[in-house]
Protein backbone atom coordinates (compact mmCIF):
# COMPACT_ATOMS: atom_id res chain seq x y z
CA UNK A 1 37.71 -43.33 31.54
CA UNK A 2 36.66 -39.69 31.53
CA UNK A 3 33.36 -39.05 33.30
CA UNK A 4 32.23 -36.56 30.62
CA UNK A 5 31.84 -39.32 28.03
CA UNK A 6 29.82 -41.59 30.26
CA UNK A 7 26.07 -41.90 30.17
CA UNK A 8 23.53 -39.49 28.62
CA UNK A 9 24.81 -36.05 27.89
CA UNK A 10 23.19 -33.35 29.95
CA UNK A 11 21.94 -30.35 28.13
CA UNK A 12 23.72 -27.10 28.97
CA UNK A 13 22.94 -23.66 27.65
CA UNK A 14 25.99 -23.60 25.39
CA UNK A 15 25.25 -26.87 23.59
CA UNK A 16 24.08 -26.72 19.96
CA UNK A 17 20.38 -27.33 19.84
CA UNK A 18 18.86 -27.29 16.25
CA UNK A 19 15.38 -27.00 17.72
CA UNK A 20 16.30 -23.71 19.19
CA UNK A 21 17.34 -22.26 15.86
CA UNK A 22 14.28 -23.71 14.06
CA UNK A 23 11.99 -22.09 16.63
CA UNK A 24 13.84 -18.80 16.11
CA UNK A 25 13.16 -19.00 12.42
CA UNK A 26 9.53 -19.86 13.07
CA UNK A 27 9.31 -16.78 15.40
CA UNK A 28 10.80 -14.56 12.63
CA UNK A 29 8.40 -15.93 10.06
CA UNK A 30 5.47 -15.34 12.37
CA UNK A 31 6.61 -11.74 12.96
CA UNK A 32 6.76 -11.14 9.19
CA UNK A 33 3.28 -12.52 8.77
CA UNK A 34 1.97 -10.32 11.54
CA UNK A 35 3.48 -7.22 10.00
CA UNK A 36 2.12 -8.17 6.60
CA UNK A 37 -1.40 -8.66 7.99
CA UNK A 38 -1.16 -5.36 9.85
CA UNK A 39 -0.21 -3.47 6.75
CA UNK A 40 -2.98 -5.16 4.77
CA UNK A 41 -5.56 -4.31 7.45
CA UNK A 42 -4.35 -0.72 7.56
CA UNK A 43 -4.72 -0.28 3.80
CA UNK A 44 -8.16 -1.84 3.97
CA UNK A 45 -9.35 0.47 6.66
CA UNK A 46 -8.03 3.48 4.76
CA UNK A 47 -9.77 2.42 1.54
CA UNK A 48 -13.04 1.74 3.33
CA UNK A 49 -12.75 5.10 5.06
CA UNK A 50 -12.25 6.78 1.68
CA UNK A 51 -15.18 4.92 0.18
CA UNK A 52 -17.64 5.95 2.84
CA UNK A 53 -16.41 9.49 3.47
CA UNK A 54 -18.57 12.36 2.14
CA UNK A 55 -16.19 14.05 -0.27
CA UNK A 56 -18.76 16.17 -2.03
CA UNK A 57 -17.54 19.39 -0.51
CA UNK A 58 -13.92 18.80 -1.18
CA UNK A 59 -12.33 20.24 -4.31
CA UNK A 60 -10.98 17.86 -6.89
CA UNK A 61 -7.52 18.33 -8.30
CA UNK A 62 -6.04 16.48 -11.20
CA UNK A 63 -2.36 17.22 -11.72
CA UNK A 64 -2.46 16.18 -15.37
CA UNK A 65 -5.01 15.07 -17.95
CA UNK A 66 -3.57 11.54 -17.67
CA UNK A 67 -4.75 11.43 -14.04
CA UNK A 68 -8.21 12.66 -15.03
CA UNK A 69 -8.44 10.06 -17.83
CA UNK A 70 -7.22 7.31 -15.50
CA UNK A 71 -10.06 7.90 -13.03
CA UNK A 72 -12.60 8.39 -15.77
CA UNK A 73 -13.31 12.03 -15.23
CA UNK A 74 -12.09 13.33 -18.58
CA UNK A 75 -13.33 15.36 -20.43
CA UNK A 76 -14.10 17.98 -17.79
CA UNK A 77 -16.35 20.86 -18.70
CA UNK A 78 -15.97 24.35 -17.25
CA UNK A 79 -17.89 24.57 -13.93
CA UNK A 80 -17.45 20.88 -13.11
CA UNK A 81 -15.34 19.78 -10.17
CA UNK A 82 -11.72 19.27 -11.22
CA UNK A 83 -11.75 21.79 -14.12
CA UNK A 84 -8.95 24.29 -14.21
CA UNK A 85 -7.55 26.55 -16.84
CA UNK A 86 -4.16 24.73 -16.96
CA UNK A 87 -5.84 21.54 -18.15
CA UNK A 88 -7.77 23.31 -20.94
CA UNK A 89 -5.06 23.65 -23.61
CA UNK A 90 -7.21 25.25 -26.31
CA UNK A 91 -9.37 27.39 -24.03
CA UNK A 92 -12.72 26.20 -25.30
CA UNK A 93 -14.09 25.35 -21.81
CA UNK A 94 -13.51 21.61 -22.01
CA UNK A 95 -10.42 20.23 -20.32
CA UNK A 96 -8.62 16.98 -21.09
CA UNK A 97 -10.33 16.44 -24.49
CA UNK A 98 -9.48 13.13 -26.18
CA UNK A 99 -8.38 14.90 -29.33
CA UNK A 100 -6.97 18.27 -30.36
CA UNK A 101 -8.05 20.34 -33.32
CA UNK A 102 -5.10 21.05 -35.65
């Protein structure tokens, strides 16, 4: 009889080992979780930095009145931060009014 079929099979590097592939999948899953936690932590640090930064001296800029309404800054009176002539459609000194006079 052939000696290769006798006794326990020795493990060689080229034999199929399901545990190797399962551990590789586990490593990939762990890498994905590490990246996700890193991105979450980066966003959290950025938001906390924005919350505790003194932004009083920075100019505000709202590209449209929708943005100003979204953050709760509308209506904006002339002289307030964020006011600009382009947002004041009727020229009365109040930008992003909730209604327009006909």
